[in-house]
N, C-alpha and C. Protein backbone atom coordinates (compact mmCIF):
# COMPACT_ATOMS: atom_id res chain seq x y z
N MET A 1 -30.98 -17.46 -8.66
CA MET A 1 -30.50 -17.39 -10.03
C MET A 1 -28.98 -17.32 -10.07
N ASP A 2 -28.41 -16.51 -9.15
CA ASP A 2 -26.95 -16.40 -9.11
C ASP A 2 -26.30 -17.75 -8.79
N ARG A 3 -26.88 -18.47 -7.86
CA ARG A 3 -26.34 -19.79 -7.49
C ARG A 3 -26.44 -20.75 -8.66
N LEU A 4 -27.54 -20.71 -9.38
CA LEU A 4 -27.71 -21.57 -10.54
C LEU A 4 -26.66 -21.26 -11.61
N LEU A 5 -26.41 -19.99 -11.85
CA LEU A 5 -25.38 -19.60 -12.82
C LEU A 5 -24.00 -20.07 -12.36
N GLU A 6 -23.76 -19.99 -11.07
CA GLU A 6 -22.48 -20.44 -10.52
C GLU A 6 -22.31 -21.95 -10.74
N VAL A 7 -23.36 -22.71 -10.49
CA VAL A 7 -23.30 -24.16 -10.67
C VAL A 7 -23.08 -24.51 -12.14
N VAL A 8 -23.76 -23.82 -13.03
CA VAL A 8 -23.60 -24.07 -14.47
C VAL A 8 -22.17 -23.74 -14.89
N GLU A 9 -21.63 -22.63 -14.40
CA GLU A 9 -20.26 -22.26 -14.75
C GLU A 9 -19.27 -23.30 -14.25
N GLU A 10 -19.45 -23.79 -13.03
CA GLU A 10 -18.57 -24.83 -12.50
C GLU A 10 -18.66 -26.09 -13.36
N TYR A 11 -19.85 -26.46 -13.76
CA TYR A 11 -20.03 -27.64 -14.61
C TYR A 11 -19.30 -27.45 -15.94
N LEU A 12 -19.43 -26.29 -16.52
CA LEU A 12 -18.78 -26.02 -17.81
C LEU A 12 -17.26 -26.04 -17.68
N GLN A 13 -16.75 -25.58 -16.54
CA GLN A 13 -15.30 -25.63 -16.33
C GLN A 13 -14.81 -27.07 -16.30
N PHE A 14 -15.57 -27.96 -15.66
CA PHE A 14 -15.18 -29.36 -15.63
C PHE A 14 -15.38 -30.03 -16.98
N ALA A 15 -16.39 -29.60 -17.72
CA ALA A 15 -16.68 -30.20 -19.02
C ALA A 15 -15.58 -29.91 -20.03
N ARG A 16 -14.92 -28.80 -19.88
CA ARG A 16 -13.84 -28.44 -20.80
C ARG A 16 -12.53 -28.31 -20.03
N LEU A 17 -12.13 -29.43 -19.44
CA LEU A 17 -10.91 -29.45 -18.66
C LEU A 17 -9.72 -29.03 -19.52
N PRO A 18 -8.87 -28.17 -18.98
CA PRO A 18 -7.70 -27.74 -19.76
C PRO A 18 -6.68 -28.86 -19.87
N GLN A 19 -5.91 -28.79 -20.91
CA GLN A 19 -4.84 -29.77 -21.08
C GLN A 19 -3.68 -29.37 -20.16
N VAL A 20 -3.25 -30.31 -19.36
CA VAL A 20 -2.17 -30.04 -18.41
C VAL A 20 -0.86 -29.95 -19.17
N ARG A 21 -0.09 -28.92 -18.86
CA ARG A 21 1.21 -28.72 -19.49
C ARG A 21 2.27 -28.65 -18.39
N LEU A 22 2.83 -29.82 -18.09
CA LEU A 22 3.81 -29.91 -17.02
C LEU A 22 5.14 -29.32 -17.44
N GLN A 23 5.76 -28.66 -16.49
CA GLN A 23 7.10 -28.13 -16.69
C GLN A 23 7.78 -28.06 -15.32
N GLU A 24 9.08 -28.07 -15.32
CA GLU A 24 9.78 -27.96 -14.05
C GLU A 24 9.59 -26.54 -13.52
N GLY A 25 9.20 -26.46 -12.27
CA GLY A 25 8.98 -25.15 -11.69
C GLY A 25 8.99 -25.20 -10.18
N ASN A 26 8.89 -24.05 -9.60
CA ASN A 26 8.92 -23.91 -8.15
C ASN A 26 7.52 -23.51 -7.67
N ALA A 27 6.90 -24.39 -6.92
CA ALA A 27 5.54 -24.11 -6.42
C ALA A 27 5.53 -22.87 -5.55
N ASN A 28 6.62 -22.61 -4.82
CA ASN A 28 6.68 -21.41 -3.99
C ASN A 28 6.50 -20.14 -4.82
N GLU A 29 7.06 -20.12 -6.01
CA GLU A 29 6.94 -18.94 -6.87
C GLU A 29 5.49 -18.72 -7.30
N VAL A 30 4.80 -19.80 -7.63
CA VAL A 30 3.39 -19.70 -8.02
C VAL A 30 2.57 -19.19 -6.84
N ILE A 31 2.83 -19.73 -5.65
CA ILE A 31 2.09 -19.34 -4.46
C ILE A 31 2.37 -17.88 -4.11
N ALA A 32 3.64 -17.50 -4.08
CA ALA A 32 4.01 -16.12 -3.73
C ALA A 32 3.40 -15.12 -4.71
N ASP A 33 3.42 -15.46 -5.99
CA ASP A 33 2.84 -14.58 -7.00
C ASP A 33 1.34 -14.41 -6.79
N LEU A 34 0.66 -15.50 -6.50
CA LEU A 34 -0.78 -15.46 -6.27
C LEU A 34 -1.11 -14.64 -5.02
N LEU A 35 -0.36 -14.84 -3.96
CA LEU A 35 -0.62 -14.10 -2.72
C LEU A 35 -0.37 -12.61 -2.92
N PHE A 36 0.64 -12.26 -3.69
CA PHE A 36 0.89 -10.85 -4.01
C PHE A 36 -0.29 -10.27 -4.79
N PHE A 37 -0.79 -11.04 -5.74
CA PHE A 37 -1.94 -10.62 -6.56
C PHE A 37 -3.18 -10.37 -5.69
N LEU A 38 -3.37 -11.18 -4.65
CA LEU A 38 -4.55 -11.09 -3.80
C LEU A 38 -4.38 -10.18 -2.58
N LYS A 39 -3.20 -9.63 -2.41
CA LYS A 39 -2.88 -8.87 -1.20
C LYS A 39 -3.90 -7.77 -0.88
N GLU A 40 -4.24 -6.95 -1.84
CA GLU A 40 -5.18 -5.85 -1.58
C GLU A 40 -6.57 -6.36 -1.20
N GLU A 41 -7.04 -7.39 -1.87
CA GLU A 41 -8.35 -7.95 -1.55
C GLU A 41 -8.36 -8.53 -0.14
N VAL A 42 -7.30 -9.21 0.22
CA VAL A 42 -7.20 -9.82 1.54
C VAL A 42 -7.19 -8.73 2.62
N GLU A 43 -6.40 -7.70 2.41
CA GLU A 43 -6.33 -6.60 3.37
C GLU A 43 -7.67 -5.87 3.48
N ALA A 44 -8.36 -5.70 2.36
CA ALA A 44 -9.65 -5.02 2.37
C ALA A 44 -10.69 -5.80 3.18
N ARG A 45 -10.51 -7.10 3.29
CA ARG A 45 -11.43 -7.94 4.05
C ARG A 45 -10.99 -8.10 5.51
N ASN A 46 -9.99 -7.33 5.91
CA ASN A 46 -9.49 -7.37 7.29
C ASN A 46 -8.97 -8.75 7.67
N ILE A 47 -8.23 -9.34 6.73
CA ILE A 47 -7.65 -10.67 6.95
C ILE A 47 -6.14 -10.53 6.93
N LEU A 48 -5.51 -11.14 7.93
CA LEU A 48 -4.06 -11.16 7.99
C LEU A 48 -3.58 -12.43 7.31
N LEU A 49 -2.84 -12.27 6.25
CA LEU A 49 -2.32 -13.41 5.50
C LEU A 49 -0.88 -13.65 5.92
N VAL A 50 -0.61 -14.83 6.42
CA VAL A 50 0.74 -15.19 6.86
C VAL A 50 1.33 -16.12 5.81
N GLU A 51 2.37 -15.64 5.17
CA GLU A 51 3.04 -16.42 4.12
C GLU A 51 4.23 -17.14 4.73
N ASN A 52 4.21 -18.46 4.68
CA ASN A 52 5.27 -19.26 5.29
C ASN A 52 5.67 -20.35 4.28
N LEU A 53 6.56 -19.99 3.38
CA LEU A 53 6.99 -20.91 2.33
C LEU A 53 8.38 -21.46 2.66
N ASP A 54 8.59 -22.72 2.38
CA ASP A 54 9.87 -23.37 2.66
C ASP A 54 10.85 -23.07 1.52
N PRO A 55 11.90 -22.32 1.78
CA PRO A 55 12.84 -21.97 0.72
C PRO A 55 13.64 -23.18 0.21
N ARG A 56 13.57 -24.28 0.93
CA ARG A 56 14.31 -25.49 0.53
C ARG A 56 13.52 -26.35 -0.45
N LEU A 57 12.30 -25.93 -0.77
CA LEU A 57 11.46 -26.71 -1.67
C LEU A 57 12.16 -26.87 -3.02
N LEU A 58 12.27 -28.10 -3.47
CA LEU A 58 12.94 -28.39 -4.73
C LEU A 58 11.99 -28.16 -5.91
N PRO A 59 12.53 -27.90 -7.09
CA PRO A 59 11.69 -27.79 -8.27
C PRO A 59 10.96 -29.11 -8.53
N VAL A 60 9.73 -29.00 -9.00
CA VAL A 60 8.90 -30.17 -9.30
C VAL A 60 8.21 -29.96 -10.64
N GLN A 61 7.63 -31.02 -11.17
CA GLN A 61 6.87 -30.92 -12.41
C GLN A 61 5.47 -30.37 -12.07
N ILE A 62 5.16 -29.19 -12.55
CA ILE A 62 3.87 -28.56 -12.28
C ILE A 62 3.33 -27.92 -13.54
N ASP A 63 2.04 -27.68 -13.53
CA ASP A 63 1.41 -26.82 -14.52
C ASP A 63 1.08 -25.55 -13.75
N PRO A 64 1.88 -24.50 -13.90
CA PRO A 64 1.69 -23.30 -13.08
C PRO A 64 0.29 -22.71 -13.19
N LYS A 65 -0.29 -22.72 -14.36
CA LYS A 65 -1.61 -22.13 -14.55
C LYS A 65 -2.68 -22.92 -13.79
N THR A 66 -2.62 -24.24 -13.88
CA THR A 66 -3.60 -25.08 -13.19
C THR A 66 -3.41 -25.00 -11.67
N LEU A 67 -2.17 -25.03 -11.22
CA LEU A 67 -1.89 -24.90 -9.79
C LEU A 67 -2.40 -23.57 -9.26
N ARG A 68 -2.14 -22.51 -10.00
CA ARG A 68 -2.59 -21.17 -9.59
C ARG A 68 -4.12 -21.14 -9.47
N GLN A 69 -4.82 -21.72 -10.43
CA GLN A 69 -6.28 -21.71 -10.41
C GLN A 69 -6.82 -22.52 -9.23
N ALA A 70 -6.20 -23.67 -8.97
CA ALA A 70 -6.64 -24.50 -7.84
C ALA A 70 -6.44 -23.76 -6.52
N LEU A 71 -5.28 -23.14 -6.36
CA LEU A 71 -5.01 -22.40 -5.13
C LEU A 71 -5.92 -21.17 -5.01
N LEU A 72 -6.19 -20.52 -6.12
CA LEU A 72 -7.09 -19.37 -6.10
C LEU A 72 -8.47 -19.79 -5.62
N ASN A 73 -8.96 -20.92 -6.09
CA ASN A 73 -10.27 -21.42 -5.64
C ASN A 73 -10.28 -21.67 -4.14
N ILE A 74 -9.22 -22.28 -3.62
CA ILE A 74 -9.13 -22.57 -2.18
C ILE A 74 -9.08 -21.27 -1.38
N ILE A 75 -8.29 -20.32 -1.84
CA ILE A 75 -8.16 -19.05 -1.13
C ILE A 75 -9.48 -18.28 -1.16
N LYS A 76 -10.13 -18.24 -2.31
CA LYS A 76 -11.42 -17.53 -2.41
C LYS A 76 -12.44 -18.15 -1.45
N ASN A 77 -12.48 -19.47 -1.36
CA ASN A 77 -13.38 -20.14 -0.41
C ASN A 77 -13.02 -19.75 1.02
N SER A 78 -11.73 -19.67 1.31
CA SER A 78 -11.29 -19.28 2.65
C SER A 78 -11.71 -17.85 2.97
N LEU A 79 -11.58 -16.95 2.01
CA LEU A 79 -11.98 -15.57 2.23
C LEU A 79 -13.47 -15.45 2.51
N GLU A 80 -14.25 -16.22 1.78
CA GLU A 80 -15.69 -16.19 1.98
C GLU A 80 -16.08 -16.78 3.34
N ALA A 81 -15.25 -17.67 3.87
CA ALA A 81 -15.53 -18.29 5.16
C ALA A 81 -15.18 -17.36 6.33
N MET A 82 -14.55 -16.23 6.04
CA MET A 82 -14.15 -15.28 7.10
C MET A 82 -14.74 -13.91 6.83
N PRO A 83 -16.04 -13.75 6.83
CA PRO A 83 -16.65 -12.46 6.52
C PRO A 83 -16.29 -11.36 7.50
N GLU A 84 -15.90 -11.73 8.71
CA GLU A 84 -15.54 -10.74 9.74
C GLU A 84 -14.04 -10.53 9.82
N GLY A 85 -13.27 -11.16 8.92
CA GLY A 85 -11.82 -11.05 8.97
C GLY A 85 -11.22 -12.21 9.72
N GLY A 86 -9.91 -12.19 9.87
CA GLY A 86 -9.22 -13.25 10.60
C GLY A 86 -7.81 -13.43 10.11
N ASN A 87 -7.24 -14.58 10.43
CA ASN A 87 -5.86 -14.92 10.03
C ASN A 87 -5.88 -16.13 9.12
């Protein structure tokens, strides 16, 4: 039942795609903010998170909210793939 609810929720997220709002921004800032937000959860799972951002990265046109959500999905999948911890 939980898996079915998860699939339905994913479908609904795609069915109502958000409108992209591009603006000039720094992807490093979005990433750093997200990693800070997840720090306690990552540590609680015995995972060492290594942050290696290029300070020379130039500003680009991004939708910070959409980028954050995409990265959050990737990170959550990564956390689930390391139930015993890791790097």
